[in-house]
Amino acid sequence: MEGKMSAYLIGKMSITDQARYDNYKRLTPDIVKAHGGRFISRGGQKFLLEGEAESRRVVIVEFP
């Protein structure tokens, strides 16, 4: 039996240039959508369950 398997892009980013990052955020959704992807997570509130807190921004994108 063959099934579909998704691929996931997981990015951890430290923002050092807010203006460039704002431009990146503006352009990225259309690019992801054009390739059939969808955002699973784009930052927002984080909840630490164990270990040390992660200071970088975390983004997860799913592609079919």
PDB file of N, CA and C in Angstrom:
ATOM      1  N   MET A   1       0.841  -1.179   0.000  1.00  0.00           N
ATOM      2  CA  MET A   1       0.000   0.000   0.000  1.00  0.00           C
ATOM      3  C   MET A   1       0.885   1.241   0.000  1.00  0.00           C
ATOM      4  N   GLU A   2       0.663   2.101  -0.975  1.00  0.00           N
ATOM      5  CA  GLU A   2       1.430   3.340  -1.046  1.00  0.00           C
ATOM      6  C   GLU A   2       0.591   4.482  -0.506  1.00  0.00           C
ATOM      7  N   GLY A   3       1.230   5.345   0.257  1.00  0.00           N
ATOM      8  CA  GLY A   3       0.533   6.500   0.807  1.00  0.00           C
ATOM      9  C   GLY A   3       1.338   7.764   0.590  1.00  0.00           C
ATOM     10  N   LYS A   4       0.707   8.859   0.843  1.00  0.00           N
ATOM     11  CA  LYS A   4       1.398  10.138   0.736  1.00  0.00           C
ATOM     12  C   LYS A   4       2.190  10.395   2.005  1.00  0.00           C
ATOM     13  N   MET A   5       3.332  11.010   1.843  1.00  0.00           N
ATOM     14  CA  MET A   5       4.142  11.365   2.995  1.00  0.00           C
ATOM     15  C   MET A   5       4.523  12.839   2.869  1.00  0.00           C
ATOM     16  N   SER A   6       4.280  13.592   3.887  1.00  0.00           N
ATOM     17  CA  SER A   6       4.609  15.020   3.881  1.00  0.00           C
ATOM     18  C   SER A   6       6.061  15.233   4.286  1.00  0.00           C
ATOM     19  N   ALA A   7       6.587  16.370   3.873  1.00  0.00           N
ATOM     20  CA  ALA A   7       7.920  16.808   4.303  1.00  0.00           C
ATOM     21  C   ALA A   7       7.727  18.048   5.164  1.00  0.00           C
ATOM     22  N   TYR A   8       8.557  18.190   6.182  1.00  0.00           N
ATOM     23  CA  TYR A   8       8.441  19.321   7.094  1.00  0.00           C
ATOM     24  C   TYR A   8       9.738  20.111   7.124  1.00  0.00           C
ATOM     25  N   LEU A   9       9.605  21.419   7.017  1.00  0.00           N
ATOM     26  CA  LEU A   9      10.732  22.329   7.171  1.00  0.00           C
ATOM     27  C   LEU A   9      10.617  22.924   8.568  1.00  0.00           C
ATOM     28  N   ILE A  10      11.654  22.751   9.371  1.00  0.00           N
ATOM     29  CA  ILE A  10      11.667  23.312  10.720  1.00  0.00           C
ATOM     30  C   ILE A  10      12.808  24.307  10.782  1.00  0.00           C
ATOM     31  N   GLY A  11      12.463  25.559  10.998  1.00  0.00           N
ATOM     32  CA  GLY A  11      13.470  26.613  11.052  1.00  0.00           C
ATOM     33  C   GLY A  11      13.542  27.240  12.430  1.00  0.00           C
ATOM     34  N   LYS A  12      14.767  27.447  12.904  1.00  0.00           N
ATOM     35  CA  LYS A  12      14.999  28.169  14.158  1.00  0.00           C
ATOM     36  C   LYS A  12      15.845  29.378  13.799  1.00  0.00           C
ATOM     37  N   MET A  13      15.296  30.567  14.009  1.00  0.00           N
ATOM     38  CA  MET A  13      15.948  31.785  13.541  1.00  0.00           C
ATOM     39  C   MET A  13      16.184  32.777  14.665  1.00  0.00           C
ATOM     40  N   SER A  14      17.340  33.399  14.612  1.00  0.00           N
ATOM     41  CA  SER A  14      17.637  34.537  15.481  1.00  0.00           C
ATOM     42  C   SER A  14      17.556  35.776  14.605  1.00  0.00           C
ATOM     43  N   ILE A  15      16.688  36.700  14.935  1.00  0.00           N
ATOM     44  CA  ILE A  15      16.480  37.900  14.125  1.00  0.00           C
ATOM     45  C   ILE A  15      17.515  38.947  14.522  1.00  0.00           C
ATOM     46  N   THR A  16      18.347  39.344  13.555  1.00  0.00           N
ATOM     47  CA  THR A  16      19.372  40.361  13.813  1.00  0.00           C
ATOM     48  C   THR A  16      19.113  41.653  13.047  1.00  0.00           C
ATOM     49  N   ASP A  17      18.243  41.605  12.038  1.00  0.00           N
ATOM     50  CA  ASP A  17      17.897  42.790  11.246  1.00  0.00           C
ATOM     51  C   ASP A  17      16.379  42.778  11.065  1.00  0.00           C
ATOM     52  N   GLN A  18      15.669  43.506  11.911  1.00  0.00           N
ATOM     53  CA  GLN A  18      14.203  43.460  11.921  1.00  0.00           C
ATOM     54  C   GLN A  18      13.597  43.897  10.593  1.00  0.00           C
ATOM     55  N   ALA A  19      14.162  44.909   9.939  1.00  0.00           N
ATOM     56  CA  ALA A  19      13.609  45.390   8.669  1.00  0.00           C
ATOM     57  C   ALA A  19      13.687  44.304   7.591  1.00  0.00           C
ATOM     58  N   ARG A  20      14.813  43.632   7.491  1.00  0.00           N
ATOM     59  CA  ARG A  20      14.963  42.554   6.509  1.00  0.00           C
ATOM     60  C   ARG A  20      14.037  41.391   6.845  1.00  0.00           C
ATOM     61  N   TYR A  21      13.898  41.094   8.128  1.00  0.00           N
ATOM     62  CA  TYR A  21      13.016  40.004   8.537  1.00  0.00           C
ATOM     63  C   TYR A  21      11.553  40.343   8.235  1.00  0.00           C
ATOM     64  N   ASP A  22      11.154  41.587   8.444  1.00  0.00           N
ATOM     65  CA  ASP A  22       9.785  42.005   8.123  1.00  0.00           C
ATOM     66  C   ASP A  22       9.498  41.811   6.632  1.00  0.00           C
ATOM     67  N   ASN A  23      10.468  42.128   5.775  1.00  0.00           N
ATOM     68  CA  ASN A  23      10.314  41.922   4.339  1.00  0.00           C
ATOM     69  C   ASN A  23      10.213  40.428   4.024  1.00  0.00           C
ATOM     70  N   TYR A  24      11.045  39.628   4.660  1.00  0.00           N
ATOM     71  CA  TYR A  24      11.018  38.169   4.493  1.00  0.00           C
ATOM     72  C   TYR A  24       9.645  37.611   4.883  1.00  0.00           C
ATOM     73  N   LYS A  25       9.101  38.064   6.013  1.00  0.00           N
ATOM     74  CA  LYS A  25       7.780  37.610   6.469  1.00  0.00           C
ATOM     75  C   LYS A  25       6.683  37.981   5.475  1.00  0.00           C
ATOM     76  N   ARG A  26       6.837  39.119   4.835  1.00  0.00           N
ATOM     77  CA  ARG A  26       5.839  39.578   3.868  1.00  0.00           C
ATOM     78  C   ARG A  26       5.847  38.704   2.608  1.00  0.00           C
ATOM     79  N   LEU A  27       7.032  38.276   2.171  1.00  0.00           N
ATOM     80  CA  LEU A  27       7.165  37.521   0.928  1.00  0.00           C
ATOM     81  C   LEU A  27       6.939  36.016   1.078  1.00  0.00           C
ATOM     82  N   THR A  28       7.262  35.472   2.220  1.00  0.00           N
ATOM     83  CA  THR A  28       7.277  34.023   2.415  1.00  0.00           C
ATOM     84  C   THR A  28       5.925  33.322   2.258  1.00  0.00           C
ATOM     85  N   PRO A  29       4.813  33.831   2.792  1.00  0.00           N
ATOM     86  CA  PRO A  29       3.544  33.085   2.676  1.00  0.00           C
ATOM     87  C   PRO A  29       3.141  32.750   1.240  1.00  0.00           C
ATOM     88  N   ASP A  30       3.313  33.672   0.305  1.00  0.00           N
ATOM     89  CA  ASP A  30       2.951  33.400  -1.088  1.00  0.00           C
ATOM     90  C   ASP A  30       3.852  32.333  -1.701  1.00  0.00           C
ATOM     91  N   ILE A  31       5.130  32.330  -1.340  1.00  0.00           N
ATOM     92  CA  ILE A  31       6.068  31.330  -1.858  1.00  0.00           C
ATOM     93  C   ILE A  31       5.707  29.948  -1.323  1.00  0.00           C
ATOM     94  N   VAL A  32       5.437  29.861  -0.033  1.00  0.00           N
ATOM     95  CA  VAL A  32       5.056  28.581   0.571  1.00  0.00           C
ATOM     96  C   VAL A  32       3.776  28.059  -0.083  1.00  0.00           C
ATOM     97  N   LYS A  33       2.780  28.917  -0.235  1.00  0.00           N
ATOM     98  CA  LYS A  33       1.500  28.523  -0.833  1.00  0.00           C
ATOM     99  C   LYS A  33       1.676  28.068  -2.282  1.00  0.00           C
ATOM    100  N   ALA A  34       2.531  28.757  -3.042  1.00  0.00           N
ATOM    101  CA  ALA A  34       2.765  28.407  -4.446  1.00  0.00           C
ATOM    102  C   ALA A  34       3.332  27.001  -4.599  1.00  0.00           C
ATOM    103  N   HIS A  35       3.973  26.497  -3.570  1.00  0.00           N
ATOM    104  CA  HIS A  35       4.569  25.160  -3.613  1.00  0.00           C
ATOM    105  C   HIS A  35       3.753  24.144  -2.812  1.00  0.00           C
ATOM    106  N   GLY A  36       2.507  24.500  -2.509  1.00  0.00           N
ATOM    107  CA  GLY A  36       1.599  23.577  -1.841  1.00  0.00           C
ATOM    108  C   GLY A  36       1.818  23.439  -0.346  1.00  0.00           C
ATOM    109  N   GLY A  37       2.630  24.316   0.214  1.00  0.00           N
ATOM    110  CA  GLY A  37       2.931  24.225   1.638  1.00  0.00           C
ATOM    111  C   GLY A  37       1.931  24.967   2.501  1.00  0.00           C
ATOM    112  N   ARG A  38       2.018  24.681   3.786  1.00  0.00           N
ATOM    113  CA  ARG A  38       1.199  25.419   4.752  1.00  0.00           C
ATOM    114  C   ARG A  38       1.979  25.530   6.055  1.00  0.00           C
ATOM    115  N   PHE A  39       1.783  26.643   6.722  1.00  0.00           N
ATOM    116  CA  PHE A  39       2.451  26.876   7.998  1.00  0.00           C
ATOM    117  C   PHE A  39       1.751  26.084   9.091  1.00  0.00           C
ATOM    118  N   ILE A  40       2.528  25.337   9.859  1.00  0.00           N
ATOM    119  CA  ILE A  40       2.021  24.625  11.026  1.00  0.00           C
ATOM    120  C   ILE A  40       2.193  25.525  12.248  1.00  0.00           C
ATOM    121  N   SER A  41       3.319  26.223  12.289  1.00  0.00           N
ATOM    122  CA  SER A  41       3.635  27.110  13.412  1.00  0.00           C
ATOM    123  C   SER A  41       4.481  28.264  12.901  1.00  0.00           C
ATOM    124  N   ARG A  42       4.195  29.470  13.396  1.00  0.00           N
ATOM    125  CA  ARG A  42       4.984  30.651  13.019  1.00  0.00           C
ATOM    126  C   ARG A  42       5.240  31.506  14.242  1.00  0.00           C
ATOM    127  N   GLY A  43       5.972  31.000  15.172  1.00  0.00           N
ATOM    128  CA  GLY A  43       6.275  31.793  16.359  1.00  0.00           C
ATOM    129  C   GLY A  43       5.083  31.864  17.289  1.00  0.00           C
ATOM    130  N   GLY A  44       4.876  33.012  17.871  1.00  0.00           N
ATOM    131  CA  GLY A  44       3.782  33.158  18.819  1.00  0.00           C
ATOM    132  C   GLY A  44       4.190  32.732  20.215  1.00  0.00           C
ATOM    133  N   GLN A  45       3.204  32.495  21.041  1.00  0.00           N
ATOM    134  CA  GLN A  45       3.438  32.110  22.438  1.00  0.00           C
ATOM    135  C   GLN A  45       4.093  30.735  22.509  1.00  0.00           C
ATOM    136  N   LYS A  46       5.127  30.617  23.354  1.00  0.00           N
ATOM    137  CA  LYS A  46       5.803  29.336  23.560  1.00  0.00           C
ATOM    138  C   LYS A  46       5.559  28.863  24.979  1.00  0.00           C
ATOM    139  N   PHE A  47       5.474  27.558  25.147  1.00  0.00           N
ATOM    140  CA  PHE A  47       5.308  26.958  26.466  1.00  0.00           C
ATOM    141  C   PHE A  47       6.423  25.947  26.681  1.00  0.00           C
ATOM    142  N   LEU A  48       7.258  26.188  27.662  1.00  0.00           N
ATOM    143  CA  LEU A  48       8.379  25.312  27.965  1.00  0.00           C
ATOM    144  C   LEU A  48       7.894  24.145  28.815  1.00  0.00           C
ATOM    145  N   LEU A  49       8.102  22.935  28.328  1.00  0.00           N
ATOM    146  CA  LEU A  49       7.699  21.747  29.070  1.00  0.00           C
ATOM    147  C   LEU A  49       8.858  21.168  29.873  1.00  0.00           C
ATOM    148  N   GLU A  50      10.069  21.251  29.310  1.00  0.00           N
ATOM    149  CA  GLU A  50      11.251  20.800  30.040  1.00  0.00           C
ATOM    150  C   GLU A  50      12.488  21.357  29.355  1.00  0.00           C
ATOM    151  N   GLY A  51      13.622  21.323  30.030  1.00  0.00           N
ATOM    152  CA  GLY A  51      14.865  21.828  29.460  1.00  0.00           C
ATOM    153  C   GLY A  51      14.978  23.334  29.574  1.00  0.00           C
ATOM    154  N   GLU A  52      15.865  23.901  28.739  1.00  0.00           N
ATOM    155  CA  GLU A  52      16.102  25.344  28.757  1.00  0.00           C
ATOM    156  C   GLU A  52      15.249  26.035  27.703  1.00  0.00           C
ATOM    157  N   ALA A  53      14.900  27.274  27.971  1.00  0.00           N
ATOM    158  CA  ALA A  53      14.072  28.051  27.047  1.00  0.00           C
ATOM    159  C   ALA A  53      14.828  28.341  25.754  1.00  0.00           C
ATOM    160  N   GLU A  54      14.127  28.252  24.635  1.00  0.00           N
ATOM    161  CA  GLU A  54      14.671  28.538  23.309  1.00  0.00           C
ATOM    162  C   GLU A  54      14.372  29.995  22.987  1.00  0.00           C
ATOM    163  N   SER A  55      15.411  30.781  22.685  1.00  0.00           N
ATOM    164  CA  SER A  55      15.204  32.205  22.428  1.00  0.00           C
ATOM    165  C   SER A  55      14.969  32.501  20.951  1.00  0.00           C
ATOM    166  N   ARG A  56      15.261  31.547  20.077  1.00  0.00           N
ATOM    167  CA  ARG A  56      15.091  31.789  18.648  1.00  0.00           C
ATOM    168  C   ARG A  56      13.634  31.600  18.233  1.00  0.00           C
ATOM    169  N   ARG A  57      13.289  32.211  17.110  1.00  0.00           N
ATOM    170  CA  ARG A  57      11.946  32.067  16.543  1.00  0.00           C
ATOM    171  C   ARG A  57      11.879  30.712  15.848  1.00  0.00           C
ATOM    172  N   VAL A  58      10.802  29.973  16.066  1.00  0.00           N
ATOM    173  CA  VAL A  58      10.639  28.643  15.479  1.00  0.00           C
ATOM    174  C   VAL A  58       9.482  28.672  14.483  1.00  0.00           C
ATOM    175  N   VAL A  59       9.741  28.155  13.278  1.00  0.00           N
ATOM    176  CA  VAL A  59       8.729  28.088  12.226  1.00  0.00           C
ATOM    177  C   VAL A  59       8.689  26.656  11.704  1.00  0.00           C
ATOM    178  N   ILE A  60       7.484  26.113  11.518  1.00  0.00           N
ATOM    179  CA  ILE A  60       7.322  24.775  10.950  1.00  0.00           C
ATOM    180  C   ILE A  60       6.396  24.889   9.742  1.00  0.00           C
ATOM    181  N   VAL A  61       6.871  24.370   8.594  1.00  0.00           N
ATOM    182  CA  VAL A  61       6.099  24.407   7.355  1.00  0.00           C
ATOM    183  C   VAL A  61       5.940  22.974   6.853  1.00  0.00           C
ATOM    184  N   GLU A  62       4.725  22.619   6.432  1.00  0.00           N
ATOM    185  CA  GLU A  62       4.450  21.288   5.889  1.00  0.00           C
ATOM    186  C   GLU A  62       4.287  21.389   4.374  1.00  0.00           C
ATOM    187  N   PHE A  63       4.939  20.467   3.653  1.00  0.00           N
ATOM    188  CA  PHE A  63       4.786  20.364   2.202  1.00  0.00           C
ATOM    189  C   PHE A  63       4.273  18.966   1.872  1.00  0.00           C
ATOM    190  N   PRO A  64       3.325  18.875   0.924  1.00  0.00           N
ATOM    191  CA  PRO A  64       2.770  17.552   0.582  1.00  0.00           C
ATOM    192  C   PRO A  64       3.796  16.668  -0.130  1.00  0.00           C
TER     193      PRO A  64
END
